[in-house]
Amino acid sequence: MKRVVLVWFADWETNALVIDCPPGTPAVTVERGRVRAATRRAYTQGVRPGMRIALARHLCKGLVVVDHDEKRSARSFYAVLDALDEVSAHVCAIAPGIAWLPASAARWAGGEEKLCEQVIDAVAFNTGAECSVGIGPGLLGGWVGALRGEILTDMSPVRELPLAATLPLLNDSDESERVIQTLATLGIETVGDLLDYGPTYIASRFGEVGMALHRLLTRDIPLEVDARVVDEGVSETLTFDTPIVDGDIVVGYFLKAATRLINRLVARQITASIIQISAVMNTPDGQRCRERLWSLTDFPTPRDLTDRLRWQTRGWIDEINRTVPRDDQVPSQDTYGMVSVTLCVVESQPIDSVAARLWGHRSEEDMRATQVAFRLQALLGIDYVQQARIVDGFDPLSRTVFNTWGTSPHTLPWEQWRLPVHWHDDARYGREHRWEGKLGGESPATVFDRHIPVVMRDEDGRNVRVTAEGTVSGTITTIVVQEENEVLHSVGIGAGSVLTTVDVRGPWPVLGHWWDTASNARGARAWINAEVEVSKPVSLLVMWSKQSWRLVAMWH
């Protein structure tokens, strides 16, 4: 893989505020009457996020207050890209706050360390913002380097990166976050875990989002982007009758152009990895052409391309407005502005069949999975092929439910439950309290289909139980396992094993299925999380139910 320099701003909103205000000015962005972000100068004078604006003004004299505007912070990134142009001719933006450039520039800078210093100095001198810079193999290697502020020599640190740390590089963060959380429940938490499974298994379960993750993890970066041949057949140009001085008024045209471009990508069965936005503008110094590269980590949607067009063109228009003389003798400012804008694909790669989901069709992986399921049903019986899904619940046991493949999911009791009318005004039964007492933290690696009976004892050897008040009757020091299990045996735990506890957390009372009053007759229930001493670190999830302890899950 080509080595990449990745530039990242950990708190881009604050850095964007620094760019927009005079150097050293104490300034804040405000949303709903409270401080959302503050510059370092304001922070040193006591201003904090969440503070009321009146208190912030009292603490900080001369405070500049700016309303929160996502468009403004996106446009401000234009100044950073201009600063990076001083270091490399091949700067490519990913999103506001993230950009990359080829590490081949190190040969003229005197080495990769010198190149990182030049990047940091160029950004600080031209914008006053602070950035993190890293170098590594490929886009993801550079991202890990930026997160750590290091220069990576190989991909080994990348395999240890949590999947959640890749969210800023993905387009649809909400959907991607949901998929990454689901993968975590399956024990796939790092980049290495996902790579070990391969794209086929992930695509058959998570579709285009899973494939987007795999493309991100394995994607290479072209060394010289500008030297690549541009396919003129995959481009869209908008020409305006009069110069445009506000990109927001032509958003509809941007959206139509982006949609047409994506339709061409689909027709050719390719996806865009890098796009080029170029514009022809009338300025006081004559007609000028500007261009900028943007990197895409996933198959783009019309909204993705439209947002990038708006961010980039607004930055160029602001540059024109700053150079227009403020003199009554000067012709109307309508003379100046953007005359045309072109969106074209610079780098493309074959699109996989999973992208068919973007257009409402089933992918080949979906069809193959269905065929395999039907064959298994023919061999084993219809009820023996189950499909899992994650639902709301108190614990890992109740959150995982199964239904027969090809049938509609069963509606669970709590999904039909409605709060009685006479409780509607009672704050204790608000929707946010629906799962009060829910077991949090990381999902266990193993959830036992058949619960394993155990005995919990205190330091005097007496059995420990849970009282009606939801507390334990003694301090748990040992756990006795009463049945054999293959998974437990693999970590050195067998029937009759007496495990010494290193740490015990809990109990967490199970508040009962309050939509089903009959379930409350089973008495007190609670969870205990216990870490024990065996050959490897092991944590056990034990449930007290029906006056006995049962091992239900394990982290190992």
Protein backbone atom coordinates (compact mmCIF):
# COMPACT_ATOMS: atom_id res chain seq x y z
CA MET A 1 0.00 0.00 0.00
CA LYS A 2 1.08 3.57 -0.69
CA ARG A 3 1.99 5.57 2.39
CA VAL A 4 -0.43 8.36 3.28
CA VAL A 5 -0.19 11.50 5.40
CA LEU A 6 -3.51 12.02 7.18
CA VAL A 7 -4.43 15.35 8.77
CA TRP A 8 -7.11 15.26 11.47
CA PHE A 9 -8.68 17.90 13.71
CA ALA A 10 -9.97 16.25 16.88
CA ASP A 11 -12.34 19.14 17.62
CA TRP A 12 -13.06 20.63 14.25
CA GLU A 13 -15.89 22.91 15.39
CA THR A 14 -13.57 24.73 17.77
CA ASN A 15 -10.80 24.91 15.19
CA ALA A 16 -13.26 26.27 12.62
CA LEU A 17 -14.12 29.00 15.12
CA VAL A 18 -10.42 29.86 15.43
CA ILE A 19 -10.18 30.21 11.63
CA ASP A 20 -13.22 32.50 11.38
CA CYS A 21 -12.20 34.87 14.20
CA PRO A 22 -9.13 37.11 14.50
CA PRO A 23 -6.09 35.36 16.04
CA GLY A 24 -6.17 35.21 19.83
CA THR A 25 -9.80 36.30 20.08
CA PRO A 26 -11.89 34.65 22.81
CA ALA A 27 -14.90 33.27 20.95
CA VAL A 28 -17.68 30.72 21.36
CA THR A 29 -20.40 29.12 19.28
CA VAL A 30 -23.85 29.22 20.83
CA GLU A 31 -26.83 26.91 20.44
CA ARG A 32 -30.11 27.42 22.32
CA GLY A 33 -28.59 30.03 24.61
CA ARG A 34 -25.68 27.84 25.76
CA VAL A 35 -22.04 27.53 24.78
CA ARG A 36 -21.39 24.69 22.36
CA ALA A 37 -17.66 25.20 21.62
CA ALA A 38 -15.06 27.66 22.89
CA THR A 39 -11.60 28.73 21.73
CA ARG A 40 -8.57 28.16 23.94
CA ARG A 41 -8.45 31.84 24.91
CA ALA A 42 -12.07 31.69 26.11
CA TYR A 43 -11.44 28.37 27.84
CA THR A 44 -8.55 29.80 29.88
CA GLN A 45 -10.90 32.50 31.19
CA GLY A 46 -13.39 29.97 32.54
CA VAL A 47 -15.79 29.49 29.63
CA ARG A 48 -17.00 25.90 29.31
CA PRO A 49 -19.33 24.04 26.91
CA GLY A 50 -22.88 23.94 28.24
CA MET A 51 -22.51 27.24 30.11
CA ARG A 52 -25.18 29.91 29.69
CA ILE A 53 -24.10 32.72 27.40
CA ALA A 54 -24.76 35.39 30.05
CA LEU A 55 -22.30 33.72 32.44
CA ALA A 56 -19.75 33.27 29.65
CA ARG A 57 -19.89 37.01 28.84
CA HIS A 58 -19.43 37.81 32.54
CA LEU A 59 -16.33 35.61 32.82
CA CYS A 60 -14.72 36.62 29.55
CA LYS A 61 -14.48 40.27 28.55
CA GLY A 62 -14.67 40.94 24.82
CA LEU A 63 -16.14 37.52 24.09
CA VAL A 64 -17.15 37.03 20.44
CA VAL A 65 -20.39 35.07 20.17
CA VAL A 66 -21.18 33.18 16.96
CA ASP A 67 -24.32 31.13 16.34
CA HIS A 68 -23.68 27.44 15.71
CA ASP A 69 -23.76 26.74 11.97
CA GLU A 70 -22.65 23.41 10.51
CA LYS A 71 -22.37 24.98 7.06
CA ARG A 72 -20.00 27.63 8.35
CA SER A 73 -17.69 25.09 9.99
CA ALA A 74 -17.68 23.02 6.79
CA ARG A 75 -16.79 26.04 4.65
CA SER A 76 -13.96 26.97 7.01
CA PHE A 77 -12.14 23.77 6.07
CA TYR A 78 -11.40 25.42 2.74
CA ALA A 79 -8.73 27.53 4.48
CA VAL A 80 -7.03 24.38 5.80
CA LEU A 81 -6.94 22.80 2.33
CA ASP A 82 -5.33 25.95 0.94
CA ALA A 83 -2.71 25.77 3.68
CA LEU A 84 -1.96 22.13 2.82
CA ASP A 85 -1.51 23.09 -0.83
CA GLU A 86 1.75 24.73 0.26
CA VAL A 87 3.08 21.31 1.27
CA SER A 88 1.73 19.05 -1.48
CA ALA A 89 0.06 19.46 -4.86
CA HIS A 90 -2.15 16.42 -4.28
CA VAL A 91 -4.25 17.30 -1.23
CA CYS A 92 -7.53 15.38 -0.96
CA ALA A 93 -10.35 16.10 1.51
CA ILE A 94 -12.46 13.35 3.10
CA ALA A 95 -14.80 15.39 5.31
CA PRO A 96 -14.58 18.71 7.17
CA GLY A 97 -11.75 18.14 9.63
CA ILE A 98 -10.09 15.23 7.77
CA ALA A 99 -7.80 15.31 4.71
CA TRP A 100 -4.89 13.32 3.29
CA LEU A 101 -1.93 13.77 0.98
CA PRO A 102 0.64 11.30 -0.43
CA ALA A 103 3.67 10.67 1.79
CA SER A 104 5.84 10.75 -1.33
CA ALA A 105 6.27 14.48 -0.59
CA ALA A 106 8.68 13.39 2.16
CA ARG A 107 11.45 12.98 -0.43
CA TRP A 108 11.53 16.79 -0.86
CA ALA A 109 10.80 17.58 2.79
CA GLY A 110 13.80 15.68 4.14
CA GLY A 111 11.95 12.66 5.56
CA GLU A 112 8.54 11.77 6.92
CA GLU A 113 9.10 13.45 10.28
CA LYS A 114 10.05 16.70 8.55
CA LEU A 115 6.98 16.38 6.35
CA CYS A 116 4.70 16.09 9.41
CA GLU A 117 6.34 19.17 10.89
CA GLN A 118 5.77 21.11 7.68
CA VAL A 119 2.09 20.12 7.62
CA ILE A 120 1.54 21.19 11.24
CA ASP A 121 3.43 24.47 10.73
CA ALA A 122 1.57 25.30 7.51
CA VAL A 123 -1.84 24.76 9.10
CA ALA A 124 -0.93 26.68 12.27
CA PHE A 125 0.64 29.63 10.40
CA ASN A 126 -2.16 30.08 7.86
CA THR A 127 -5.20 29.28 10.01
CA GLY A 128 -4.15 29.25 13.67
CA ALA A 129 -5.73 25.79 14.07
CA GLU A 130 -4.12 22.76 15.70
CA CYS A 131 -4.15 19.41 13.94
CA SER A 132 -2.95 15.85 14.48
CA VAL A 133 -0.83 14.32 11.73
CA GLY A 134 0.09 10.69 11.14
CA ILE A 135 1.65 8.60 8.39
CA GLY A 136 0.89 4.97 7.63
CA PRO A 137 0.23 2.43 4.89
CA GLY A 138 -3.03 3.22 3.10
CA LEU A 139 -5.88 5.43 4.24
CA LEU A 140 -6.55 3.48 7.43
CA GLY A 141 -2.88 3.30 8.34
CA GLY A 142 -2.68 7.07 8.07
CA TRP A 143 -5.84 7.40 10.19
CA VAL A 144 -4.36 5.27 12.98
CA GLY A 145 -1.16 7.29 12.77
CA ALA A 146 -3.13 10.54 13.11
CA LEU A 147 -5.09 9.22 16.09
CA ARG A 148 -1.83 8.31 17.81
CA GLY A 149 0.29 11.15 16.41
CA GLU A 150 2.77 8.58 15.11
CA ILE A 151 4.46 7.35 11.93
CA LEU A 152 3.52 3.70 11.37
CA THR A 153 5.90 1.34 9.64
CA ASP A 154 3.49 -1.57 9.22
CA MET A 155 -0.20 -2.49 9.54
CA SER A 156 0.00 -4.30 12.89
CA PRO A 157 -1.40 -1.34 14.94
CA VAL A 158 -4.27 -1.06 12.46
CA ARG A 159 -5.56 -4.54 13.33
CA GLU A 160 -5.95 -3.43 16.96
CA LEU A 161 -8.05 -0.35 16.06
CA PRO A 162 -11.66 -0.55 17.37
CA LEU A 163 -14.20 -0.47 14.56
CA ALA A 164 -15.98 2.40 16.32
CA ALA A 165 -12.90 4.56 15.68
CA THR A 166 -13.50 4.34 11.90
CA LEU A 167 -16.89 6.11 12.04
CA PRO A 168 -15.53 9.59 11.08
CA LEU A 169 -14.35 8.09 7.76
CA LEU A 170 -17.72 6.58 6.83
CA ASN A 171 -20.51 8.43 5.04
CA ASP A 172 -23.66 7.20 6.79
CA SER A 173 -22.46 7.43 10.38
CA ASP A 174 -25.82 6.56 11.97
CA GLU A 175 -26.30 3.34 10.01
CA SER A 176 -22.60 2.49 10.29
CA GLU A 177 -22.72 2.97 14.05
CA ARG A 178 -25.67 0.60 14.32
CA VAL A 179 -23.82 -2.06 12.30
CA ILE A 180 -20.63 -1.65 14.36
CA GLN A 181 -22.61 -2.05 17.58
CA THR A 182 -24.21 -5.23 16.21
CA LEU A 183 -20.79 -6.56 15.19
CA ALA A 184 -19.57 -5.93 18.74
CA THR A 185 -22.35 -8.14 20.12
CA LEU A 186 -21.00 -10.89 17.84
CA GLY A 187 -17.46 -10.46 19.18
CA ILE A 188 -16.18 -8.53 16.13
CA GLU A 189 -14.82 -5.38 17.74
CA THR A 190 -11.53 -4.55 16.00
CA VAL A 191 -10.29 -4.13 12.45
CA GLY A 192 -8.39 -7.41 12.74
CA ASP A 193 -11.54 -9.28 13.78
CA LEU A 194 -13.41 -7.99 10.73
CA LEU A 195 -10.60 -8.77 8.30
CA ASP A 196 -10.36 -12.34 9.62
CA TYR A 197 -13.99 -12.99 8.71
CA GLY A 198 -13.64 -11.80 5.12
CA PRO A 199 -16.07 -9.73 3.03
CA THR A 200 -18.43 -12.57 2.08
CA TYR A 201 -19.70 -13.28 5.57
CA ILE A 202 -20.03 -9.60 6.50
CA ALA A 203 -21.78 -8.64 3.24
CA SER A 204 -24.35 -11.43 3.54
CA ARG A 205 -25.38 -10.13 6.96
CA PHE A 206 -24.78 -6.37 6.85
CA GLY A 207 -25.08 -5.51 3.16
CA GLU A 208 -23.62 -2.30 1.81
CA VAL A 209 -22.54 -0.97 5.21
CA GLY A 210 -20.50 -4.12 5.87
CA MET A 211 -18.92 -3.89 2.42
CA ALA A 212 -18.15 -0.20 3.01
CA LEU A 213 -16.22 -1.18 6.13
CA HIS A 214 -14.24 -3.79 4.18
CA ARG A 215 -13.49 -1.34 1.37
CA LEU A 216 -12.23 1.16 3.93
CA LEU A 217 -9.98 -1.43 5.61
CA THR A 218 -8.39 -2.70 2.41
CA ARG A 219 -8.40 0.40 0.21
CA ASP A 220 -5.17 1.59 -1.40
CA ILE A 221 -4.43 5.23 -2.24
CA PRO A 222 -3.07 6.30 -5.66
CA LEU A 223 0.33 7.94 -5.30
CA GLU A 224 -0.26 10.68 -7.87
CA VAL A 225 -3.96 11.43 -8.05
CA ASP A 226 -3.67 14.28 -10.54
CA ALA A 227 -1.74 12.08 -12.99
CA ARG A 228 -4.58 9.59 -13.33
CA VAL A 229 -6.72 9.62 -16.46
CA VAL A 230 -10.11 11.23 -15.81
CA ASP A 231 -13.06 9.45 -17.41
CA GLU A 232 -14.87 12.36 -19.04
CA GLY A 233 -17.95 10.18 -19.50
CA VAL A 234 -18.56 10.22 -15.74
CA SER A 235 -18.84 13.93 -15.06
CA GLU A 236 -21.49 16.60 -14.74
CA THR A 237 -21.16 20.30 -15.53
CA LEU A 238 -23.53 23.07 -14.46
CA THR A 239 -23.36 26.40 -16.32
CA PHE A 240 -25.20 29.40 -14.88
CA ASP A 241 -26.75 32.27 -16.89
CA THR A 242 -25.49 34.83 -14.36
CA PRO A 243 -22.61 34.45 -11.88
CA ILE A 244 -23.71 32.78 -8.65
CA VAL A 245 -22.80 34.54 -5.41
CA ASP A 246 -24.52 32.10 -3.02
CA GLY A 247 -24.17 28.34 -3.43
CA ASP A 248 -27.20 27.67 -1.25
CA ILE A 249 -29.59 29.04 -3.89
CA VAL A 250 -28.55 26.38 -6.42
CA VAL A 251 -28.70 23.36 -4.10
CA GLY A 252 -31.49 21.89 -6.24
CA TYR A 253 -29.24 22.00 -9.32
CA PHE A 254 -26.39 20.42 -7.32
CA LEU A 255 -28.70 17.61 -6.21
CA LYS A 256 -29.86 16.87 -9.75
CA ALA A 257 -26.29 16.84 -11.06
CA ALA A 258 -25.20 14.50 -8.25
CA THR A 259 -28.11 12.16 -8.97
CA ARG A 260 -27.26 12.02 -12.67
CA LEU A 261 -23.61 11.29 -11.87
CA ILE A 262 -24.55 8.42 -9.54
CA ASN A 263 -26.88 6.96 -12.17
CA ARG A 264 -23.93 6.89 -14.57
CA LEU A 265 -21.79 5.14 -11.97
CA VAL A 266 -24.45 2.48 -11.48
CA ALA A 267 -24.89 2.03 -15.24
CA ARG A 268 -21.16 1.36 -15.57
CA GLN A 269 -21.06 -0.73 -12.36
CA ILE A 270 -18.30 1.37 -10.82
CA THR A 271 -18.00 3.42 -7.67
CA ALA A 272 -16.15 6.71 -7.21
CA SER A 273 -13.22 6.73 -4.80
CA ILE A 274 -12.06 10.28 -5.55
CA ILE A 275 -14.05 13.08 -7.15
CA GLN A 276 -12.86 16.43 -8.44
CA ILE A 277 -14.86 19.62 -7.95
CA SER A 278 -13.79 22.41 -10.29
CA ALA A 279 -15.29 25.83 -10.92
CA VAL A 280 -14.89 28.75 -13.26
CA MET A 281 -15.35 32.09 -11.48
CA ASN A 282 -15.42 35.75 -12.40
CA THR A 283 -13.23 37.73 -10.01
CA PRO A 284 -12.01 41.35 -9.92
CA ASP A 285 -8.71 40.02 -11.35
CA GLY A 286 -10.43 38.27 -14.26
CA GLN A 287 -11.75 34.77 -14.82
CA ARG A 288 -10.17 32.14 -12.60
CA CYS A 289 -10.41 28.32 -12.43
CA ARG A 290 -10.21 26.49 -9.10
CA GLU A 291 -10.34 22.76 -8.35
CA ARG A 292 -10.27 20.48 -5.34
CA LEU A 293 -10.17 16.72 -4.77
CA TRP A 294 -12.51 14.96 -2.33
CA SER A 295 -12.06 11.38 -1.16
CA LEU A 296 -15.05 9.02 -0.75
CA THR A 297 -14.78 5.98 1.50
CA ASP A 298 -18.10 4.45 0.44
CA PHE A 299 -20.53 4.43 -2.47
CA PRO A 300 -21.84 8.02 -2.46
CA THR A 301 -25.44 9.11 -2.20
CA PRO A 302 -26.75 12.25 -3.97
CA ARG A 303 -26.78 14.03 -0.61
CA ASP A 304 -23.11 13.17 0.02
CA LEU A 305 -22.02 14.72 -3.27
CA THR A 306 -24.34 17.71 -2.85
CA ASP A 307 -22.92 18.51 0.59
CA ARG A 308 -19.37 18.47 -0.75
CA LEU A 309 -20.36 20.71 -3.66
CA ARG A 310 -21.95 23.22 -1.28
CA TRP A 311 -19.00 23.23 1.14
CA GLN A 312 -16.42 23.70 -1.59
CA THR A 313 -18.19 26.24 -3.77
CA ARG A 314 -19.21 28.36 -0.77
CA GLY A 315 -15.57 28.58 0.26
CA TRP A 316 -14.56 29.78 -3.19
CA ILE A 317 -17.43 32.30 -3.32
CA ASP A 318 -16.41 33.68 0.08
CA GLU A 319 -12.90 34.15 -1.30
CA ILE A 320 -14.29 36.18 -4.21
CA ASN A 321 -16.41 38.35 -1.90
CA ARG A 322 -13.35 39.20 0.19
CA THR A 323 -11.54 40.52 -2.87
CA VAL A 324 -14.41 42.62 -4.30
CA PRO A 325 -13.68 46.35 -3.73
CA ARG A 326 -16.26 48.16 -1.62
CA ASP A 327 -16.54 51.26 -3.81
CA ASP A 328 -19.59 52.87 -5.35
CA GLN A 329 -17.69 53.30 -8.63
CA VAL A 330 -17.25 49.54 -9.00
CA PRO A 331 -19.84 47.74 -11.20
CA SER A 332 -22.52 45.66 -9.53
CA GLN A 333 -21.26 42.69 -7.57
CA ASP A 334 -23.51 40.50 -9.75
CA THR A 335 -20.62 40.67 -12.22
CA TYR A 336 -18.56 38.49 -9.90
CA GLY A 337 -19.30 34.93 -8.83
CA MET A 338 -19.29 31.34 -9.99
CA VAL A 339 -19.95 30.87 -13.72
CA SER A 340 -19.85 27.06 -13.90
CA VAL A 341 -19.05 24.07 -11.70
CA THR A 342 -18.00 20.56 -12.75
CA LEU A 343 -18.19 17.34 -10.76
CA CYS A 344 -16.17 14.46 -12.22
CA VAL A 345 -14.82 11.08 -11.14
CA VAL A 346 -11.02 11.00 -10.89
CA GLU A 347 -10.58 7.51 -9.47
CA SER A 348 -13.09 4.67 -9.80
CA GLN A 349 -13.20 0.97 -8.99
CA PRO A 350 -15.63 -1.87 -9.80
CA ILE A 351 -18.76 -1.83 -7.70
CA ASP A 352 -19.74 -5.06 -6.01
CA SER A 353 -23.19 -6.57 -6.27
CA VAL A 354 -24.08 -5.38 -2.78
CA ALA A 355 -24.60 -1.85 -4.15
CA ALA A 356 -27.83 -3.14 -5.71
CA ARG A 357 -29.37 -2.64 -2.28
CA LEU A 358 -28.99 1.08 -2.75
CA TRP A 359 -31.63 0.85 -5.47
CA GLY A 360 -34.05 -1.45 -3.68
CA HIS A 361 -32.83 -4.75 -5.21
CA ARG A 362 -31.56 -7.88 -3.51
CA SER A 363 -27.85 -8.54 -3.79
CA GLU A 364 -26.31 -11.79 -4.96
CA GLU A 365 -25.25 -12.53 -1.38
CA ASP A 366 -28.87 -12.22 -0.25
CA MET A 367 -30.00 -14.68 -2.91
CA ARG A 368 -27.25 -17.18 -2.12
CA ALA A 369 -28.04 -17.01 1.59
CA THR A 370 -31.73 -17.64 0.85
CA GLN A 371 -30.91 -20.63 -1.37
CA VAL A 372 -28.68 -22.17 1.31
CA ALA A 373 -31.36 -21.63 3.96
CA PHE A 374 -34.03 -23.30 1.83
CA ARG A 375 -31.76 -26.30 1.20
CA LEU A 376 -31.08 -26.65 4.91
CA GLN A 377 -34.80 -26.44 5.63
CA ALA A 378 -35.39 -29.23 3.11
CA LEU A 379 -32.77 -31.42 4.81
CA LEU A 380 -33.38 -30.62 8.49
CA GLY A 381 -36.89 -29.26 8.63
CA ILE A 382 -38.35 -25.78 8.49
CA ASP A 383 -38.06 -25.05 12.22
CA TYR A 384 -34.34 -25.95 12.37
CA VAL A 385 -33.14 -22.92 10.37
CA GLN A 386 -33.36 -19.84 12.58
CA GLN A 387 -32.57 -16.18 11.99
CA ALA A 388 -31.33 -14.03 14.89
CA ARG A 389 -32.20 -10.40 15.58
CA ILE A 390 -31.39 -7.95 18.35
CA VAL A 391 -34.23 -6.27 20.26
CA ASP A 392 -34.54 -4.06 23.31
CA GLY A 393 -34.22 -5.79 26.66
CA PHE A 394 -32.60 -5.87 30.07
CA ASP A 395 -29.78 -8.32 29.29
CA PRO A 396 -27.99 -10.29 26.52
CA LEU A 397 -30.38 -13.20 27.00
CA SER A 398 -33.62 -11.37 26.36
CA ARG A 399 -32.18 -9.09 23.67
CA THR A 400 -31.35 -11.94 21.28
CA VAL A 401 -34.41 -13.58 19.75
CA PHE A 402 -34.81 -16.08 16.91
CA ASN A 403 -37.48 -16.66 14.33
CA THR A 404 -37.81 -19.31 11.62
CA TRP A 405 -36.11 -18.33 8.38
CA GLY A 406 -38.56 -16.88 5.88
CA THR A 407 -41.26 -16.02 8.44
CA SER A 408 -42.19 -12.65 9.85
CA PRO A 409 -40.48 -11.81 13.17
CA HIS A 410 -42.55 -12.59 16.23
CA THR A 411 -43.91 -9.57 18.06
CA LEU A 412 -42.66 -9.74 21.64
CA PRO A 413 -44.88 -8.89 24.63
CA TRP A 414 -43.06 -5.68 25.52
CA GLU A 415 -43.29 -4.44 21.92
CA GLN A 416 -47.09 -4.46 22.23
CA TRP A 417 -47.21 -3.08 25.77
CA ARG A 418 -48.72 0.37 26.28
CA LEU A 419 -48.55 2.49 29.41
CA PRO A 420 -51.94 2.62 31.20
CA VAL A 421 -53.70 5.97 30.92
CA HIS A 422 -53.64 6.64 34.67
CA TRP A 423 -49.80 6.47 34.62
CA HIS A 424 -49.27 8.91 31.75
CA ASP A 425 -48.52 11.83 34.08
CA ASP A 426 -46.30 9.82 36.42
CA ALA A 427 -42.62 10.73 35.89
CA ARG A 428 -41.50 7.30 37.10
CA TYR A 429 -42.95 5.66 34.00
CA GLY A 430 -41.46 7.90 31.32
CA ARG A 431 -40.24 6.26 28.13
CA GLU A 432 -36.64 6.88 29.14
CA HIS A 433 -37.20 4.60 32.16
CA ARG A 434 -38.57 1.74 30.09
CA TRP A 435 -35.38 -0.31 30.46
CA GLU A 436 -34.24 1.02 33.82
CA GLY A 437 -31.89 -1.55 35.30
CA LYS A 438 -30.62 -2.60 31.87
CA LEU A 439 -27.28 -4.43 31.96
CA GLY A 440 -24.73 -2.22 30.21
CA GLY A 441 -21.12 -2.59 29.12
CA GLU A 442 -19.60 -4.77 26.43
CA SER A 443 -21.54 -7.77 25.20
CA PRO A 444 -20.29 -11.16 26.47
CA ALA A 445 -18.25 -13.40 24.17
CA THR A 446 -20.34 -16.48 25.06
CA VAL A 447 -24.00 -16.71 26.05
CA PHE A 448 -24.90 -20.21 27.25
CA ASP A 449 -28.00 -21.81 25.73
CA ARG A 450 -28.39 -23.88 28.88
CA HIS A 451 -27.69 -22.07 32.12
CA ILE A 452 -25.04 -23.63 34.34
CA PRO A 453 -25.87 -23.88 38.07
CA VAL A 454 -23.26 -22.37 40.40
CA VAL A 455 -22.94 -21.67 44.12
CA MET A 456 -21.70 -18.33 45.47
CA ARG A 457 -20.00 -18.39 48.89
CA ASP A 458 -18.55 -15.82 51.28
CA GLU A 459 -15.22 -15.94 53.12
CA ASP A 460 -16.72 -18.18 55.83
CA GLY A 461 -18.02 -20.70 53.29
CA ARG A 462 -21.67 -19.73 53.68
CA ASN A 463 -23.94 -19.58 50.65
CA VAL A 464 -24.70 -16.06 49.43
CA ARG A 465 -28.15 -15.16 48.18
CA VAL A 466 -30.06 -12.06 47.02
CA THR A 467 -32.49 -10.54 49.49
CA ALA A 468 -35.91 -9.16 48.69
CA GLU A 469 -34.39 -5.66 48.84
CA GLY A 470 -32.05 -6.48 45.92
CA THR A 471 -28.83 -6.76 47.99
CA VAL A 472 -26.54 -9.74 48.59
CA SER A 473 -26.43 -11.45 51.99
CA GLY A 474 -22.61 -11.53 52.12
CA THR A 475 -19.36 -10.73 50.32
CA ILE A 476 -18.80 -13.17 47.44
CA THR A 477 -15.28 -14.66 47.55
CA THR A 478 -15.63 -18.02 45.75
CA ILE A 479 -17.79 -19.52 43.01
CA VAL A 480 -18.38 -23.26 42.69
CA VAL A 481 -19.31 -24.55 39.22
CA GLN A 482 -21.63 -27.56 39.44
CA GLU A 483 -21.79 -28.80 35.83
CA GLU A 484 -19.38 -29.51 32.96
CA ASN A 485 -19.38 -27.33 29.85
CA GLU A 486 -17.12 -27.39 26.76
CA VAL A 487 -16.63 -23.63 26.62
CA LEU A 488 -15.80 -23.47 30.33
CA HIS A 489 -13.45 -26.42 29.92
CA SER A 490 -11.54 -24.53 27.19
CA VAL A 491 -10.58 -21.86 29.75
CA GLY A 492 -9.72 -24.36 32.48
CA ILE A 493 -13.04 -24.51 34.36
CA GLY A 494 -14.68 -27.86 34.99
CA ALA A 495 -17.43 -29.36 37.14
CA GLY A 496 -16.63 -28.83 40.82
CA SER A 497 -14.10 -26.05 40.14
CA VAL A 498 -13.81 -23.57 43.01
CA LEU A 499 -13.05 -20.17 41.54
CA THR A 500 -11.62 -17.33 43.62
CA THR A 501 -13.10 -13.96 42.73
CA VAL A 502 -10.76 -11.08 41.90
CA ASP A 503 -13.47 -8.48 41.44
CA VAL A 504 -17.24 -8.59 41.94
CA ARG A 505 -19.61 -5.96 40.53
CA GLY A 506 -23.27 -5.77 41.34
CA PRO A 507 -25.84 -6.80 42.13
CA TRP A 508 -28.04 -5.15 39.49
CA PRO A 509 -31.65 -5.91 40.35
CA VAL A 510 -33.82 -7.07 37.45
CA LEU A 511 -36.86 -4.87 37.82
CA GLY A 512 -39.21 -7.45 36.38
CA HIS A 513 -41.17 -7.65 33.17
CA TRP A 514 -43.43 -4.80 34.20
CA TRP A 515 -45.65 -5.40 31.17
CA ASP A 516 -46.40 -8.89 32.55
CA THR A 517 -47.48 -8.81 36.20
CA ALA A 518 -47.53 -12.61 36.43
CA SER A 519 -43.73 -12.72 36.11
CA ASN A 520 -43.27 -10.82 39.38
CA ALA A 521 -44.30 -13.90 41.33
CA ARG A 522 -40.89 -15.46 40.75
CA GLY A 523 -39.29 -13.38 43.47
CA ALA A 524 -36.15 -11.24 43.49
CA ARG A 525 -33.80 -11.41 40.52
CA ALA A 526 -30.41 -9.78 40.03
CA TRP A 527 -27.18 -9.88 38.02
CA ILE A 528 -23.63 -10.32 39.31
CA ASN A 529 -20.49 -9.74 37.24
CA ALA A 530 -17.52 -11.60 38.73
CA GLU A 531 -13.90 -11.75 37.53
CA VAL A 532 -12.18 -14.97 38.56
CA GLU A 533 -8.63 -16.38 38.65
CA VAL A 534 -8.00 -18.99 35.93
CA SER A 535 -5.35 -19.49 33.24
CA LYS A 536 -6.73 -16.49 31.29
CA PRO A 537 -8.74 -13.42 32.37
CA VAL A 538 -12.37 -14.52 32.61
CA SER A 539 -15.45 -12.61 33.73
CA LEU A 540 -18.69 -14.41 34.52
CA LEU A 541 -22.24 -13.10 34.31
CA VAL A 542 -24.33 -14.85 36.95
CA MET A 543 -28.08 -14.43 37.51
CA TRP A 544 -30.00 -14.97 40.72
CA SER A 545 -33.43 -16.36 39.85
CA LYS A 546 -35.85 -18.74 41.57
CA GLN A 547 -33.68 -18.75 44.69
CA SER A 548 -30.55 -20.06 42.93
CA TRP A 549 -27.50 -18.82 41.01
CA ARG A 550 -26.97 -19.67 37.35
CA LEU A 551 -24.06 -18.86 35.04
CA VAL A 552 -25.54 -17.40 31.86
CA ALA A 553 -22.67 -15.71 29.98
CA MET A 554 -18.92 -15.21 29.99
CA TRP A 555 -16.28 -12.75 28.77
CA HIS A 556 -13.02 -14.48 27.80
